[in-house]
Amino acid sequence: MKAKLLILMLLPVSILLAQGKVGKIDFIEYDLPNGLHVILHEDHSAPIVAVDIWYYVGSKNEDPERTGFAHLFEHMMFQGSANVKKAEHMAYIQKAGGTFNGSTNWDRTNYFQVVPSNQYRQL
């Protein structure tokens, strides 16, 4: 299923590339006072808001004798915090009609969520 999905996602890009309709993606980049590095791109072609947070920590940072911690912490991210109860984040996103997930790789861990643009202020 993943291979089919990837092909379906790449096909429109391939067509646009062949037609010369894909160009530079405009974005702004800045750092917040707390050190968070932001890359912001605005695209009004779809009524969604997407946030993708990357941490440059992955399996490369683990002891080869004790692995799996980066992936474990990826799952822990959605388990709640001092301000959001267990499973509450999931309920907020799903109630707004959105999706969320995370992934871990060798050199990074990321978390993303996508919601309809008319819902993002409600979260």
N, C-alpha and C. Protein backbone atom coordinates (compact mmCIF):
# COMPACT_ATOMS: atom_id res chain seq x y z
N MET A 1 0.82 -1.20 0.00
CA MET A 1 0.00 0.00 0.00
C MET A 1 0.86 1.26 0.00
N LYS A 2 1.93 1.26 0.76
CA LYS A 2 2.78 2.44 0.82
C LYS A 2 3.40 2.75 -0.54
N ALA A 3 3.82 1.71 -1.27
CA ALA A 3 4.44 1.94 -2.57
C ALA A 3 3.44 2.58 -3.53
N LYS A 4 2.20 2.13 -3.51
CA LYS A 4 1.17 2.72 -4.36
C LYS A 4 0.92 4.17 -3.99
N LEU A 5 0.84 4.44 -2.70
CA LEU A 5 0.61 5.79 -2.24
C LEU A 5 1.74 6.71 -2.68
N LEU A 6 2.97 6.25 -2.54
CA LEU A 6 4.12 7.04 -2.96
C LEU A 6 4.07 7.34 -4.45
N ILE A 7 3.72 6.36 -5.24
CA ILE A 7 3.63 6.55 -6.69
C ILE A 7 2.53 7.57 -7.00
N LEU A 8 1.39 7.46 -6.33
CA LEU A 8 0.30 8.39 -6.57
C LEU A 8 0.68 9.81 -6.18
N MET A 9 1.47 9.94 -5.13
CA MET A 9 1.89 11.26 -4.70
C MET A 9 2.92 11.85 -5.66
N LEU A 10 3.78 11.02 -6.20
CA LEU A 10 4.83 11.51 -7.08
C LEU A 10 4.35 11.77 -8.50
N LEU A 11 3.31 11.08 -8.93
CA LEU A 11 2.83 11.23 -10.29
C LEU A 11 2.44 12.68 -10.62
N PRO A 12 1.63 13.37 -9.80
CA PRO A 12 1.31 14.77 -10.13
C PRO A 12 2.56 15.66 -10.18
N VAL A 13 3.52 15.41 -9.31
CA VAL A 13 4.76 16.20 -9.33
C VAL A 13 5.51 15.93 -10.62
N SER A 14 5.56 14.67 -11.04
CA SER A 14 6.26 14.32 -12.29
C SER A 14 5.62 15.02 -13.48
N ILE A 15 4.30 15.05 -13.51
CA ILE A 15 3.59 15.72 -14.60
C ILE A 15 3.90 17.21 -14.60
N LEU A 16 3.86 17.83 -13.42
CA LEU A 16 4.16 19.26 -13.33
C LEU A 16 5.60 19.55 -13.72
N LEU A 17 6.53 18.68 -13.31
CA LEU A 17 7.93 18.86 -13.70
C LEU A 17 8.07 18.80 -15.22
N ALA A 18 7.42 17.83 -15.84
CA ALA A 18 7.51 17.68 -17.30
C ALA A 18 6.93 18.89 -18.01
N GLN A 19 5.92 19.51 -17.41
CA GLN A 19 5.30 20.68 -18.02
C GLN A 19 6.02 21.98 -17.66
N GLY A 20 7.05 21.88 -16.83
CA GLY A 20 7.79 23.07 -16.42
C GLY A 20 7.03 23.96 -15.46
N LYS A 21 6.07 23.41 -14.73
CA LYS A 21 5.22 24.21 -13.84
C LYS A 21 5.66 24.18 -12.39
N VAL A 22 6.72 23.44 -12.08
CA VAL A 22 7.20 23.38 -10.71
C VAL A 22 8.43 24.29 -10.61
N GLY A 23 8.39 25.19 -9.68
CA GLY A 23 9.49 26.12 -9.53
C GLY A 23 9.97 26.17 -8.10
N LYS A 24 10.58 27.26 -7.78
CA LYS A 24 11.12 27.48 -6.45
C LYS A 24 9.97 27.63 -5.44
N ILE A 25 10.16 27.05 -4.27
CA ILE A 25 9.19 27.20 -3.19
C ILE A 25 9.65 28.35 -2.31
N ASP A 26 8.84 29.38 -2.23
CA ASP A 26 9.18 30.54 -1.41
C ASP A 26 8.91 30.24 0.06
N PHE A 27 9.82 30.64 0.92
CA PHE A 27 9.65 30.45 2.35
C PHE A 27 10.44 31.52 3.09
N ILE A 28 10.09 31.70 4.35
CA ILE A 28 10.89 32.56 5.22
C ILE A 28 11.44 31.70 6.34
N GLU A 29 12.56 32.11 6.84
CA GLU A 29 13.28 31.32 7.84
C GLU A 29 13.75 32.26 8.94
N TYR A 30 13.51 31.86 10.19
CA TYR A 30 13.93 32.71 11.30
C TYR A 30 14.04 31.87 12.57
N ASP A 31 14.65 32.44 13.59
CA ASP A 31 14.78 31.78 14.89
C ASP A 31 13.94 32.53 15.92
N LEU A 32 13.24 31.77 16.75
CA LEU A 32 12.49 32.37 17.86
C LEU A 32 13.44 32.61 19.03
N PRO A 33 13.06 33.47 19.97
CA PRO A 33 13.92 33.75 21.13
C PRO A 33 14.30 32.50 21.93
N ASN A 34 13.45 31.45 21.90
CA ASN A 34 13.76 30.23 22.64
C ASN A 34 14.68 29.28 21.87
N GLY A 35 15.15 29.72 20.67
CA GLY A 35 16.08 28.92 19.89
C GLY A 35 15.42 28.06 18.82
N LEU A 36 14.10 27.99 18.79
CA LEU A 36 13.40 27.19 17.78
C LEU A 36 13.63 27.80 16.41
N HIS A 37 14.09 27.01 15.47
CA HIS A 37 14.33 27.44 14.10
C HIS A 37 13.05 27.18 13.30
N VAL A 38 12.55 28.20 12.62
CA VAL A 38 11.28 28.11 11.91
C VAL A 38 11.52 28.28 10.42
N ILE A 39 10.90 27.40 9.63
CA ILE A 39 10.84 27.55 8.18
C ILE A 39 9.35 27.60 7.85
N LEU A 40 8.91 28.72 7.30
CA LEU A 40 7.49 28.95 7.08
C LEU A 40 7.21 29.12 5.60
N HIS A 41 6.26 28.34 5.10
CA HIS A 41 5.83 28.42 3.71
C HIS A 41 4.31 28.55 3.71
N GLU A 42 3.81 29.54 3.02
CA GLU A 42 2.37 29.74 2.92
C GLU A 42 1.91 29.35 1.52
N ASP A 43 0.89 28.49 1.46
CA ASP A 43 0.36 28.01 0.18
C ASP A 43 -1.15 27.91 0.34
N HIS A 44 -1.88 28.73 -0.37
CA HIS A 44 -3.33 28.77 -0.23
C HIS A 44 -4.06 27.87 -1.23
N SER A 45 -3.34 26.92 -1.85
CA SER A 45 -3.98 26.05 -2.84
C SER A 45 -4.82 24.96 -2.20
N ALA A 46 -4.65 24.71 -0.92
CA ALA A 46 -5.47 23.72 -0.20
C ALA A 46 -5.85 24.32 1.15
N PRO A 47 -7.08 24.09 1.60
CA PRO A 47 -7.54 24.69 2.86
C PRO A 47 -7.09 23.90 4.10
N ILE A 48 -5.78 23.80 4.29
CA ILE A 48 -5.23 23.07 5.43
C ILE A 48 -4.13 23.87 6.11
N VAL A 49 -3.85 23.51 7.34
CA VAL A 49 -2.70 24.03 8.07
C VAL A 49 -1.90 22.81 8.50
N ALA A 50 -0.62 22.80 8.19
CA ALA A 50 0.24 21.68 8.55
C ALA A 50 1.42 22.19 9.36
N VAL A 51 1.74 21.46 10.41
CA VAL A 51 2.89 21.78 11.25
C VAL A 51 3.74 20.51 11.33
N ASP A 52 5.03 20.65 11.09
CA ASP A 52 5.95 19.52 11.14
C ASP A 52 7.15 19.95 11.98
N ILE A 53 7.33 19.33 13.12
CA ILE A 53 8.42 19.68 14.03
C ILE A 53 9.49 18.59 13.96
N TRP A 54 10.73 19.01 13.73
CA TRP A 54 11.86 18.07 13.64
C TRP A 54 12.81 18.28 14.80
N TYR A 55 13.25 17.19 15.36
CA TYR A 55 14.32 17.18 16.36
C TYR A 55 15.46 16.39 15.74
N TYR A 56 16.64 16.93 15.79
CA TYR A 56 17.78 16.26 15.18
C TYR A 56 18.37 15.24 16.16
N VAL A 57 17.53 14.28 16.52
CA VAL A 57 17.90 13.17 17.40
C VAL A 57 17.28 11.92 16.80
N GLY A 58 18.08 10.90 16.63
CA GLY A 58 17.58 9.64 16.08
C GLY A 58 18.42 8.49 16.58
N SER A 59 18.36 7.40 15.87
CA SER A 59 19.07 6.20 16.31
C SER A 59 20.59 6.39 16.32
N LYS A 60 21.12 7.33 15.56
CA LYS A 60 22.57 7.57 15.57
C LYS A 60 23.05 8.03 16.94
N ASN A 61 22.13 8.58 17.75
CA ASN A 61 22.48 9.09 19.07
C ASN A 61 22.38 8.03 20.16
N GLU A 62 22.00 6.81 19.79
CA GLU A 62 21.81 5.75 20.77
C GLU A 62 23.07 4.90 20.95
N ASP A 63 23.16 4.32 22.10
CA ASP A 63 24.20 3.33 22.38
C ASP A 63 23.88 2.09 21.56
N PRO A 64 24.81 1.58 20.76
CA PRO A 64 24.54 0.40 19.94
C PRO A 64 24.08 -0.82 20.76
N GLU A 65 24.41 -0.82 22.03
CA GLU A 65 23.99 -1.93 22.90
C GLU A 65 22.57 -1.74 23.44
N ARG A 66 22.04 -0.52 23.33
CA ARG A 66 20.69 -0.22 23.85
C ARG A 66 19.97 0.68 22.85
N THR A 67 19.27 0.08 21.93
CA THR A 67 18.62 0.84 20.86
C THR A 67 17.11 0.90 21.05
N GLY A 68 16.48 1.74 20.27
CA GLY A 68 15.03 1.85 20.27
C GLY A 68 14.48 3.02 21.06
N PHE A 69 15.36 3.76 21.74
CA PHE A 69 14.88 4.86 22.57
C PHE A 69 14.30 6.01 21.75
N ALA A 70 14.91 6.34 20.61
CA ALA A 70 14.38 7.43 19.77
C ALA A 70 12.96 7.10 19.33
N HIS A 71 12.74 5.87 18.94
CA HIS A 71 11.40 5.44 18.51
C HIS A 71 10.43 5.44 19.70
N LEU A 72 10.89 5.00 20.85
CA LEU A 72 10.06 5.02 22.05
C LEU A 72 9.62 6.46 22.37
N PHE A 73 10.57 7.39 22.34
CA PHE A 73 10.23 8.78 22.66
C PHE A 73 9.30 9.39 21.61
N GLU A 74 9.41 8.93 20.37
CA GLU A 74 8.47 9.38 19.34
C GLU A 74 7.04 9.05 19.79
N HIS A 75 6.83 7.83 20.27
CA HIS A 75 5.50 7.42 20.71
C HIS A 75 5.08 8.14 21.99
N MET A 76 6.01 8.44 22.84
CA MET A 76 5.71 9.11 24.10
C MET A 76 5.22 10.54 23.88
N MET A 77 5.60 11.14 22.76
CA MET A 77 5.24 12.53 22.49
C MET A 77 3.73 12.74 22.53
N PHE A 78 2.95 11.74 22.14
CA PHE A 78 1.50 11.89 22.06
C PHE A 78 0.79 11.40 23.32
N GLN A 79 1.55 11.13 24.37
CA GLN A 79 0.95 10.56 25.58
C GLN A 79 0.51 11.59 26.61
N GLY A 80 0.64 12.85 26.31
CA GLY A 80 0.20 13.88 27.23
C GLY A 80 1.36 14.66 27.82
N SER A 81 1.01 15.71 28.55
CA SER A 81 2.02 16.57 29.17
C SER A 81 1.38 17.27 30.37
N ALA A 82 2.08 18.22 30.93
CA ALA A 82 1.54 18.98 32.05
C ALA A 82 0.30 19.78 31.64
N ASN A 83 0.19 20.13 30.36
CA ASN A 83 -0.92 20.96 29.89
C ASN A 83 -1.97 20.20 29.09
N VAL A 84 -1.66 18.99 28.67
CA VAL A 84 -2.58 18.20 27.84
C VAL A 84 -2.63 16.79 28.43
N LYS A 85 -3.83 16.35 28.79
CA LYS A 85 -3.99 15.03 29.40
C LYS A 85 -3.71 13.92 28.39
N LYS A 86 -3.48 12.72 28.90
CA LYS A 86 -3.21 11.55 28.06
C LYS A 86 -4.32 11.39 27.02
N ALA A 87 -3.91 11.23 25.76
CA ALA A 87 -4.80 11.04 24.59
C ALA A 87 -5.62 12.27 24.25
N GLU A 88 -5.49 13.36 24.97
CA GLU A 88 -6.26 14.57 24.69
C GLU A 88 -5.82 15.23 23.37
N HIS A 89 -4.52 15.25 23.12
CA HIS A 89 -4.02 15.84 21.87
C HIS A 89 -4.64 15.11 20.67
N MET A 90 -4.64 13.78 20.73
CA MET A 90 -5.21 12.98 19.66
C MET A 90 -6.68 13.35 19.46
N ALA A 91 -7.42 13.51 20.55
CA ALA A 91 -8.84 13.84 20.46
C ALA A 91 -9.05 15.22 19.84
N TYR A 92 -8.22 16.21 20.21
CA TYR A 92 -8.34 17.55 19.63
C TYR A 92 -8.17 17.51 18.11
N ILE A 93 -7.11 16.85 17.67
CA ILE A 93 -6.81 16.81 16.24
C ILE A 93 -7.89 16.06 15.48
N GLN A 94 -8.29 14.91 15.97
CA GLN A 94 -9.31 14.12 15.27
C GLN A 94 -10.67 14.82 15.27
N LYS A 95 -11.03 15.47 16.37
CA LYS A 95 -12.31 16.21 16.43
C LYS A 95 -12.33 17.35 15.41
N ALA A 96 -11.17 17.92 15.15
CA ALA A 96 -11.06 19.01 14.17
C ALA A 96 -11.01 18.48 12.73
N GLY A 97 -11.02 17.15 12.56
CA GLY A 97 -10.97 16.57 11.21
C GLY A 97 -9.55 16.45 10.68
N GLY A 98 -8.58 16.46 11.57
CA GLY A 98 -7.18 16.42 11.15
C GLY A 98 -6.53 15.06 11.34
N THR A 99 -5.26 15.02 11.00
CA THR A 99 -4.44 13.83 11.17
C THR A 99 -3.13 14.23 11.83
N PHE A 100 -2.46 13.25 12.41
CA PHE A 100 -1.16 13.50 13.01
C PHE A 100 -0.37 12.21 13.01
N ASN A 101 0.93 12.34 13.12
CA ASN A 101 1.80 11.18 13.21
C ASN A 101 3.20 11.65 13.51
N GLY A 102 4.09 10.72 13.58
CA GLY A 102 5.50 11.01 13.80
C GLY A 102 6.33 9.94 13.13
N SER A 103 7.61 10.19 13.03
CA SER A 103 8.52 9.18 12.49
C SER A 103 9.91 9.38 13.07
N THR A 104 10.64 8.30 13.11
CA THR A 104 12.01 8.33 13.61
C THR A 104 12.92 7.79 12.53
N ASN A 105 14.05 8.42 12.37
CA ASN A 105 15.03 8.00 11.39
C ASN A 105 16.40 7.98 12.05
N TRP A 106 17.41 7.72 11.28
CA TRP A 106 18.77 7.64 11.80
C TRP A 106 19.20 8.93 12.47
N ASP A 107 18.86 10.07 11.86
CA ASP A 107 19.38 11.34 12.36
C ASP A 107 18.32 12.36 12.79
N ARG A 108 17.04 11.94 12.85
CA ARG A 108 16.02 12.89 13.25
C ARG A 108 14.75 12.16 13.69
N THR A 109 13.93 12.90 14.45
CA THR A 109 12.59 12.46 14.83
C THR A 109 11.67 13.62 14.52
N ASN A 110 10.53 13.34 13.89
CA ASN A 110 9.61 14.43 13.58
C ASN A 110 8.19 14.09 13.99
N TYR A 111 7.42 15.13 14.20
CA TYR A 111 6.01 15.02 14.54
C TYR A 111 5.27 15.99 13.64
N PHE A 112 4.15 15.53 13.07
CA PHE A 112 3.39 16.46 12.24
C PHE A 112 1.90 16.31 12.50
N GLN A 113 1.21 17.38 12.20
CA GLN A 113 -0.25 17.36 12.25
C GLN A 113 -0.78 18.26 11.15
N VAL A 114 -1.93 17.87 10.62
CA VAL A 114 -2.59 18.60 9.55
C VAL A 114 -4.05 18.74 9.94
N VAL A 115 -4.57 19.95 9.88
CA VAL A 115 -5.98 20.20 10.19
C VAL A 115 -6.57 21.10 9.11
N PRO A 116 -7.89 21.04 8.93
CA PRO A 116 -8.53 21.99 8.02
C PRO A 116 -8.26 23.42 8.52
N SER A 117 -8.01 24.33 7.61
CA SER A 117 -7.61 25.68 7.99
C SER A 117 -8.66 26.41 8.82
N ASN A 118 -9.92 26.03 8.69
CA ASN A 118 -10.96 26.70 9.50
C ASN A 118 -10.97 26.17 10.94
N GLN A 119 -10.15 25.19 11.26
CA GLN A 119 -10.13 24.59 12.59
C GLN A 119 -8.89 24.95 13.41
N TYR A 120 -7.83 25.47 12.78
CA TYR A 120 -6.57 25.59 13.50
C TYR A 120 -6.64 26.55 14.69
N ARG A 121 -7.46 27.55 14.65
CA ARG A 121 -7.58 28.47 15.79
C ARG A 121 -8.33 27.84 16.96
N GLN A 122 -9.11 26.79 16.67
CA GLN A 122 -9.87 26.11 17.70
C GLN A 122 -9.00 25.23 18.57
N LEU A 123 -7.82 24.87 18.09
CA LEU A 123 -6.94 23.97 18.82
C LEU A 123 -6.19 24.76 19.82
